[in-house]
Protein backbone atom coordinates (compact mmCIF):
# COMPACT_ATOMS: atom_id res chain seq x y z
CA MET A 1 -157.36 -21.30 -105.09
CA ASN A 2 -158.30 -24.22 -102.82
CA THR A 3 -155.42 -26.25 -104.18
CA LEU A 4 -153.03 -23.54 -103.08
CA PHE A 5 -154.12 -23.93 -99.49
CA GLN A 6 -153.55 -27.67 -99.67
CA THR A 7 -149.89 -27.27 -100.63
CA ALA A 8 -148.82 -25.61 -97.37
CA PRO A 9 -147.71 -28.25 -94.81
CA PRO A 10 -148.98 -27.01 -91.43
CA GLU A 11 -146.86 -29.51 -89.53
CA LYS A 12 -143.64 -27.85 -90.70
CA SER A 13 -144.79 -24.28 -90.19
CA ARG A 14 -146.13 -24.63 -86.66
CA VAL A 15 -142.91 -25.56 -84.89
CA PRO A 16 -140.94 -22.36 -85.63
CA ARG A 17 -144.10 -20.34 -84.98
CA ILE A 18 -144.57 -21.96 -81.57
CA ILE A 19 -140.91 -21.33 -80.77
CA GLY A 20 -141.25 -17.70 -81.81
CA TYR A 21 -144.36 -17.05 -79.73
CA GLY A 22 -142.90 -18.97 -76.79
CA LEU A 23 -139.74 -16.87 -76.82
CA ALA A 24 -141.87 -13.71 -77.06
CA VAL A 25 -143.96 -14.64 -74.02
CA ALA A 26 -140.92 -15.67 -71.98
CA SER A 27 -139.14 -12.43 -72.93
CA LEU A 28 -142.09 -10.27 -71.92
CA VAL A 29 -142.43 -12.09 -68.58
CA TRP A 30 -138.79 -11.33 -67.78
CA VAL A 31 -138.98 -7.75 -69.07
CA PHE A 32 -142.04 -6.83 -66.99
CA ARG A 33 -140.77 -8.44 -63.82
CA ASP A 34 -140.13 -5.67 -61.25
CA PHE A 35 -141.54 -3.09 -63.67
CA HIS A 36 -142.72 0.13 -61.96
CA PHE A 37 -145.77 1.32 -63.88
CA PHE A 38 -146.20 4.73 -62.25
CA LYS A 39 -142.50 5.49 -62.61
CA ALA A 40 -142.80 4.79 -66.33
CA LEU A 41 -145.79 7.14 -66.56
CA ASP A 42 -143.73 9.87 -64.92
CA GLU A 43 -140.90 9.29 -67.40
CA LEU A 44 -143.35 9.44 -70.30
CA ALA A 45 -144.68 12.76 -69.03
CA HIS A 46 -141.23 14.31 -69.52
CA VAL A 47 -140.62 13.01 -73.06
CA ASN A 48 -139.16 15.57 -75.46
CA TYR A 49 -141.18 15.17 -78.65
CA ARG A 50 -138.73 17.13 -80.76
CA TRP A 51 -136.26 14.32 -80.27
CA VAL A 52 -139.05 11.82 -81.00
CA LEU A 53 -139.72 13.48 -84.36
CA LEU A 54 -136.01 13.40 -85.17
CA GLY A 55 -135.76 9.72 -84.23
CA ILE A 56 -138.79 8.74 -86.33
CA SER A 57 -137.52 10.75 -89.31
CA PHE A 58 -134.11 9.04 -89.35
CA ASP A 59 -135.63 5.59 -88.85
CA VAL A 60 -138.02 6.09 -91.77
CA LEU A 61 -135.16 7.49 -93.85
CA SER A 62 -133.05 4.39 -93.21
CA TYR A 63 -135.51 2.20 -95.14
CA GLY A 64 -135.55 4.68 -98.01
CA VAL A 65 -131.77 4.28 -98.12
CA GLN A 66 -132.25 0.51 -98.10
CA ALA A 67 -134.52 0.78 -101.15
CA LEU A 68 -131.93 2.94 -102.94
CA ARG A 69 -129.24 0.35 -102.18
CA TRP A 70 -131.51 -2.40 -103.48
CA LYS A 71 -132.07 -0.48 -106.71
CA TRP A 72 -128.31 -0.17 -107.22
CA LEU A 73 -127.65 -3.85 -106.47
CA LEU A 74 -130.23 -4.91 -109.07
CA SER A 75 -129.04 -2.50 -111.76
CA PRO A 76 -127.09 -5.24 -113.66
CA PHE A 77 -130.42 -7.03 -114.27
CA GLY A 78 -132.63 -4.10 -115.21
CA LYS A 79 -133.56 -0.51 -114.51
CA VAL A 80 -135.41 -0.57 -111.18
CA ARG A 81 -137.64 2.37 -110.33
CA LEU A 82 -136.87 3.77 -106.91
CA SER A 83 -140.57 4.27 -106.15
CA ASN A 84 -141.25 0.56 -106.67
CA ALA A 85 -138.25 -0.41 -104.54
CA ILE A 86 -139.43 1.86 -101.70
CA ARG A 87 -142.96 0.51 -101.93
CA SER A 88 -141.75 -3.09 -101.86
CA VAL A 89 -139.47 -2.48 -98.87
CA TYR A 90 -142.23 -0.88 -96.80
CA ALA A 91 -144.77 -3.53 -97.80
CA GLY A 92 -142.29 -6.18 -96.65
CA LEU A 93 -141.82 -4.35 -93.36
CA PHE A 94 -145.59 -4.35 -92.86
CA ALA A 95 -145.67 -8.11 -93.48
CA ASN A 96 -143.05 -8.54 -90.76
CA MET A 97 -145.26 -6.52 -88.42
CA VAL A 98 -148.29 -8.73 -89.06
CA PHE A 99 -146.81 -12.23 -89.46
CA PRO A 100 -144.22 -14.16 -87.42
CA LEU A 101 -140.85 -15.40 -88.71
CA ARG A 102 -140.18 -12.33 -90.91
CA PRO A 103 -141.79 -13.30 -94.26
CA GLY A 104 -141.44 -9.72 -95.50
CA GLU A 105 -138.09 -10.40 -97.20
CA VAL A 106 -139.73 -12.89 -99.55
CA LEU A 107 -142.83 -10.73 -100.06
CA ARG A 108 -140.86 -7.62 -101.01
CA SER A 109 -138.79 -9.69 -103.42
CA TYR A 110 -141.97 -11.02 -105.03
CA LEU A 111 -143.47 -7.53 -105.38
CA LEU A 112 -140.34 -6.04 -106.96
CA SER A 113 -139.88 -9.05 -109.23
CA ASN A 114 -143.41 -8.60 -110.55
CA SER A 115 -143.22 -4.84 -110.99
CA GLU A 116 -139.76 -4.76 -112.61
CA GLU A 117 -139.91 -8.08 -114.49
CA ILE A 118 -136.71 -9.38 -112.92
CA SER A 119 -136.62 -13.07 -112.01
CA ILE A 120 -137.43 -13.82 -108.38
CA GLY A 121 -134.17 -15.75 -108.07
CA LYS A 122 -132.08 -12.69 -108.93
CA VAL A 123 -134.11 -10.49 -106.58
CA LEU A 124 -133.76 -12.95 -103.71
CA GLY A 125 -130.04 -13.19 -104.47
CA SER A 126 -129.76 -9.42 -104.08
CA VAL A 127 -131.41 -9.72 -100.66
CA GLY A 128 -128.73 -12.24 -99.70
CA VAL A 129 -126.03 -9.82 -100.85
CA GLU A 130 -127.70 -7.12 -98.73
CA ARG A 131 -127.45 -9.33 -95.67
CA LEU A 132 -123.79 -10.10 -96.33
CA ILE A 133 -122.97 -6.40 -96.66
CA ASP A 134 -124.90 -5.65 -93.48
CA LEU A 135 -123.01 -8.38 -91.63
CA VAL A 136 -119.65 -7.01 -92.74
CA ILE A 137 -120.58 -3.46 -91.70
CA ALA A 138 -122.03 -4.62 -88.39
CA ALA A 139 -118.89 -6.63 -87.59
CA ALA A 140 -116.62 -3.72 -88.53
CA GLY A 141 -118.71 -1.25 -86.53
CA LEU A 142 -118.79 -3.56 -83.52
CA ALA A 143 -115.03 -4.02 -83.68
CA ILE A 144 -114.49 -0.26 -83.74
CA VAL A 145 -116.92 0.29 -80.87
CA SER A 146 -115.29 -2.45 -78.80
CA LEU A 147 -111.96 -0.64 -79.19
CA VAL A 148 -113.26 2.90 -78.65
CA VAL A 149 -116.00 2.49 -76.03
CA ASP A 150 -114.97 1.69 -72.47
CA LEU A 151 -117.81 -0.54 -71.38
CA PRO A 152 -118.61 -0.20 -67.68
CA PRO A 153 -118.31 -3.23 -65.42
CA LEU A 154 -121.33 -5.49 -65.31
CA PRO A 155 -123.76 -5.13 -62.37
CA ASP A 156 -122.02 -8.00 -60.58
CA GLY A 157 -118.67 -6.18 -60.89
CA SER A 158 -117.20 -8.47 -63.51
CA SER A 159 -115.45 -7.26 -66.64
CA PRO A 160 -117.50 -7.08 -69.86
CA ALA A 161 -114.92 -9.22 -71.67
CA ARG A 162 -117.73 -11.38 -73.04
CA PHE A 163 -118.84 -8.54 -75.30
CA LYS A 164 -115.35 -8.23 -76.78
CA LYS A 165 -115.20 -11.98 -77.36
CA ILE A 166 -118.49 -11.81 -79.25
CA ALA A 167 -117.15 -8.93 -81.33
CA ASP A 168 -113.96 -10.87 -82.14
CA THR A 169 -115.89 -14.04 -83.03
CA LEU A 170 -118.33 -12.19 -85.26
CA GLY A 171 -115.45 -10.42 -86.98
CA ILE A 172 -113.62 -13.68 -87.72
CA VAL A 173 -116.76 -15.37 -89.08
CA THR A 174 -117.53 -12.34 -91.23
CA LEU A 175 -114.02 -12.23 -92.67
CA ILE A 176 -114.26 -15.92 -93.58
CA LEU A 177 -117.61 -15.43 -95.33
CA LEU A 178 -116.34 -12.35 -97.13
CA ALA A 179 -113.20 -14.20 -98.27
CA ILE A 180 -115.36 -17.01 -99.69
CA VAL A 181 -117.56 -14.58 -101.60
CA VAL A 182 -114.58 -12.65 -103.00
CA ALA A 183 -112.94 -15.91 -104.03
CA LEU A 184 -116.10 -16.98 -105.88
CA ILE A 185 -116.31 -13.65 -107.69
CA LEU A 186 -112.63 -13.83 -108.70
CA TYR A 187 -113.07 -17.43 -109.84
CA LEU A 188 -115.96 -16.47 -112.08
CA GLU A 189 -114.01 -13.46 -113.35
CA VAL A 190 -111.22 -15.78 -114.51
CA LYS A 191 -113.68 -18.23 -116.05
CA LEU A 192 -115.50 -15.42 -117.85
CA GLY A 193 -112.17 -14.21 -119.20
CA LYS A 194 -111.50 -17.64 -120.72
CA ASP A 195 -115.07 -18.36 -121.85
CA SER A 196 -117.35 -15.38 -122.34
CA GLY A 197 -120.53 -17.41 -122.02
CA LEU A 198 -119.64 -20.18 -119.62
CA GLN A 199 -122.06 -22.21 -121.68
CA GLY A 200 -119.84 -24.25 -123.98
CA GLY A 201 -117.89 -26.48 -121.62
CA PRO A 202 -119.13 -29.16 -119.28
CA ARG A 203 -120.77 -27.92 -116.12
CA ARG A 204 -119.36 -29.00 -112.83
CA LEU A 205 -122.07 -27.21 -110.85
CA PRO A 206 -125.88 -27.54 -111.07
CA GLY A 207 -127.63 -24.95 -113.22
CA LYS A 208 -129.31 -23.18 -110.31
CA VAL A 209 -126.03 -22.90 -108.39
CA MET A 210 -124.22 -21.56 -111.44
CA ALA A 211 -127.02 -19.07 -112.08
CA ALA A 212 -126.78 -17.85 -108.48
CA LEU A 213 -123.00 -17.48 -108.75
CA MET A 214 -123.36 -15.59 -112.04
CA GLY A 215 -125.84 -13.24 -110.39
CA LEU A 216 -123.44 -12.71 -107.49
CA HIS A 217 -120.64 -11.99 -109.95
CA ALA A 218 -122.81 -9.49 -111.86
CA MET A 219 -123.71 -7.58 -108.70
CA GLY A 220 -120.22 -7.68 -107.22
CA THR A 221 -118.46 -6.39 -110.35
CA ALA A 222 -121.02 -3.81 -111.47
CA PRO A 223 -120.08 -0.11 -111.07
CA SER A 224 -123.30 0.38 -109.09
CA PHE A 225 -121.99 -1.96 -106.38
CA TYR A 226 -119.81 0.77 -104.88
CA PRO A 227 -122.59 3.32 -104.28
CA ALA A 228 -124.63 0.40 -102.88
CA VAL A 229 -121.88 -0.20 -100.30
CA LEU A 230 -121.82 3.51 -99.44
CA ALA A 231 -125.60 3.43 -99.00
CA SER A 232 -125.11 0.46 -96.69
CA LEU A 233 -123.06 2.70 -94.40
CA TRP A 234 -125.81 5.31 -94.25
CA MET A 235 -128.55 2.84 -93.42
CA PRO A 236 -127.23 1.73 -89.98
CA PHE A 237 -126.10 5.30 -89.30
CA CYS A 238 -129.68 6.52 -89.73
CA GLN A 239 -130.98 3.71 -87.51
CA VAL A 240 -128.47 4.51 -84.78
CA VAL A 241 -129.38 8.20 -84.95
CA GLY A 242 -133.04 7.22 -84.70
CA LEU A 243 -132.49 5.08 -81.60
CA TRP A 244 -130.14 7.62 -80.00
CA ALA A 245 -132.70 10.41 -80.55
CA MET A 246 -135.41 8.27 -78.93
CA MET A 247 -133.08 7.72 -75.97
CA ARG A 248 -132.57 11.47 -75.64
CA ALA A 249 -136.32 12.01 -75.87
CA TYR A 250 -136.87 9.58 -72.99
CA GLY A 251 -134.18 11.18 -70.84
CA LEU A 252 -131.47 8.57 -71.34
CA HIS A 253 -128.33 10.63 -71.89
CA LEU A 254 -126.15 7.88 -73.31
CA SER A 255 -123.45 8.48 -75.91
CA PHE A 256 -123.91 7.88 -79.61
CA LEU A 257 -121.53 4.92 -79.47
CA ALA A 258 -123.59 3.45 -76.65
CA ALA A 259 -126.60 3.59 -78.99
CA VAL A 260 -124.51 1.64 -81.52
CA VAL A 261 -123.99 -1.14 -78.96
CA VAL A 262 -127.67 -1.21 -77.94
CA LEU A 263 -128.82 -1.33 -81.57
CA PHE A 264 -126.41 -4.17 -82.32
CA VAL A 265 -127.74 -6.16 -79.36
CA ILE A 266 -131.33 -5.55 -80.51
CA ASN A 267 -130.65 -6.51 -84.14
CA LEU A 268 -128.78 -9.63 -83.07
CA GLY A 269 -131.69 -10.66 -80.86
CA VAL A 270 -134.53 -10.04 -83.31
CA SER A 271 -132.77 -12.17 -85.95
CA LEU A 272 -133.96 -15.22 -83.98
CA PRO A 273 -137.40 -16.82 -84.59
CA ASN A 274 -139.88 -14.35 -83.18
CA ALA A 275 -143.45 -13.14 -82.99
CA PRO A 276 -144.92 -10.51 -85.35
CA ALA A 277 -143.22 -7.10 -85.17
CA ASN A 278 -140.50 -8.65 -82.95
CA VAL A 279 -142.76 -8.23 -79.92
CA GLY A 280 -141.01 -9.59 -76.85
CA SER A 281 -137.61 -10.09 -78.40
CA TYR A 282 -137.22 -6.35 -79.09
CA GLN A 283 -138.08 -5.43 -75.52
CA PHE A 284 -135.88 -8.16 -74.05
CA PHE A 285 -132.74 -7.31 -76.00
CA CYS A 286 -133.31 -3.59 -75.68
CA VAL A 287 -133.33 -3.99 -71.89
CA VAL A 288 -130.25 -6.23 -72.07
CA GLY A 289 -128.41 -3.65 -74.19
CA LEU A 290 -129.33 -0.76 -71.90
CA THR A 291 -128.38 -2.58 -68.71
CA ILE A 292 -124.87 -2.95 -70.12
CA PHE A 293 -124.62 0.78 -69.46
CA HIS A 294 -126.19 0.49 -65.99
CA VAL A 295 -129.61 1.83 -66.94
CA GLU A 296 -132.01 0.75 -64.19
CA LYS A 297 -134.13 -2.20 -65.39
CA SER A 298 -137.53 -0.56 -64.87
CA THR A 299 -136.40 2.52 -66.80
CA ALA A 300 -134.93 0.30 -69.53
CA THR A 301 -138.24 -1.56 -69.75
CA GLY A 302 -140.18 1.67 -70.05
CA PHE A 303 -137.89 2.86 -72.83
CA SER A 304 -138.12 -0.50 -74.64
CA ILE A 305 -141.89 -0.03 -74.88
CA PHE A 306 -141.66 3.66 -75.76
CA GLY A 307 -138.94 3.16 -78.38
CA PHE A 308 -140.69 0.14 -79.86
CA LEU A 309 -144.02 1.93 -80.31
CA GLY A 310 -142.41 5.18 -81.46
CA LEU A 311 -140.35 3.50 -84.18
CA THR A 312 -142.82 0.77 -85.15
CA ILE A 313 -146.12 2.63 -85.55
CA PRO A 314 -144.92 5.06 -88.28
CA ILE A 315 -143.29 2.20 -90.22
CA SER A 316 -146.50 0.15 -89.90
CA LEU A 317 -148.62 3.00 -91.28
CA LEU A 318 -146.26 3.60 -94.18
CA GLY A 319 -146.08 -0.13 -94.82
CA PHE A 320 -149.86 -0.42 -94.92
CA VAL A 321 -150.06 2.41 -97.46
CA ALA A 322 -147.31 0.74 -99.52
CA LEU A 323 -149.21 -2.56 -99.39
CA ILE A 324 -152.38 -0.95 -100.73
CA ARG A 325 -150.40 0.88 -103.42
CA SER A 326 -148.91 -2.49 -104.44
CA GLY A 327 -152.40 -3.77 -105.21
CA LEU A 328 -152.59 -6.18 -102.28
CA SER A 329 -155.12 -6.32 -99.49
CA LEU A 330 -154.55 -7.81 -96.04
CA ARG A 331 -156.27 -11.00 -97.21
CA SER A 332 -154.29 -11.29 -100.43
CA MET A 333 -151.08 -10.53 -98.56
CA ARG A 334 -151.82 -13.41 -96.19
CA GLU A 335 -152.31 -15.71 -99.16
CA ARG A 336 -149.10 -14.49 -100.82
CA VAL A 337 -147.09 -14.98 -97.63
CA SER A 338 -148.53 -18.48 -97.16
CA HIS A 339 -147.77 -19.74 -100.64
CA LEU A 340 -144.71 -17.82 -101.84
CA PRO A 341 -142.11 -20.35 -100.59
CA GLY A 342 -143.79 -23.13 -102.58
CA GLU A 343 -144.18 -20.97 -105.66
CA ILE A 344 -140.55 -19.84 -105.59
CA ARG A 345 -139.37 -23.44 -105.52
CA ARG A 346 -141.26 -24.09 -108.79
CA PRO A 347 -139.11 -23.13 -111.80
CA SER A 348 -142.20 -22.18 -113.82
CA THR A 349 -143.08 -19.27 -111.54
CA THR A 350 -139.81 -17.38 -112.00
CA ALA A 351 -140.08 -14.98 -114.88
């Protein structure tokens, strides 16, 4: 066990952590500047908890949908039990709440790989496919919103053309990535048609790269890929409903499409290096998203705290239960998170 601790290079891990915590502190300083505490208390006193319950329910449901999608993506490699997928997803979410730099994606992959006896490489590859699908859906949704929603002028009176430029840029990048992936799948389809095993001829690509491409081909051509894509549409829908319901609970009567824009801004922001549970970055980008629609900054700050706690605490509790059900304790989870990257790089650890 002591040798495991010696393999983690602290010099490499501290820099992103310092950046994440630094961004969190700077974000919180800006968010709480000009914050009116007593006004926020008055707004909290008028919260409609029926809307809160609806928002929490849809947010929790979104991660159940994510687990179902994950099960379908991995179906070419084995029969994945939905209960294990759900448990792994929530345990990974809890890891993201406790540790910086979002190690939960690797942890949930490790847990599912162990429980379902699928190699960690294939499970991690499915997570990459998840992210690609999410990017395509986010870009398409943002493009639709940019065409349908008339964004109000910015506080300085200027036109919000910057938002549309971001939407256009993200759409172009996404289309390029999608075209590359489709081309790879079609290339492998042709090769498989000529050589059923792809094992006889000389290899032009390294074994690990070819294995990753074969896994991508298996997921992309499996019949279960199509319900996985449909599930990918329901996941952001549930998250938008959750955020929109929390807005209604707080007294922010913004449209559903406005909630789409705010959620996109939040998700884009928390993808950067950040502190545990996205503290700081969530509040900062939530305020930025709300001020697009001329929500007063102090009110936006109050909602960013309310929405963050309302949507994070239930997920944290469920994630903690999932962690215990997975057979890990807080201490063992810390050890797993610390040493998983090194273990994954070793070929002998992938079953």
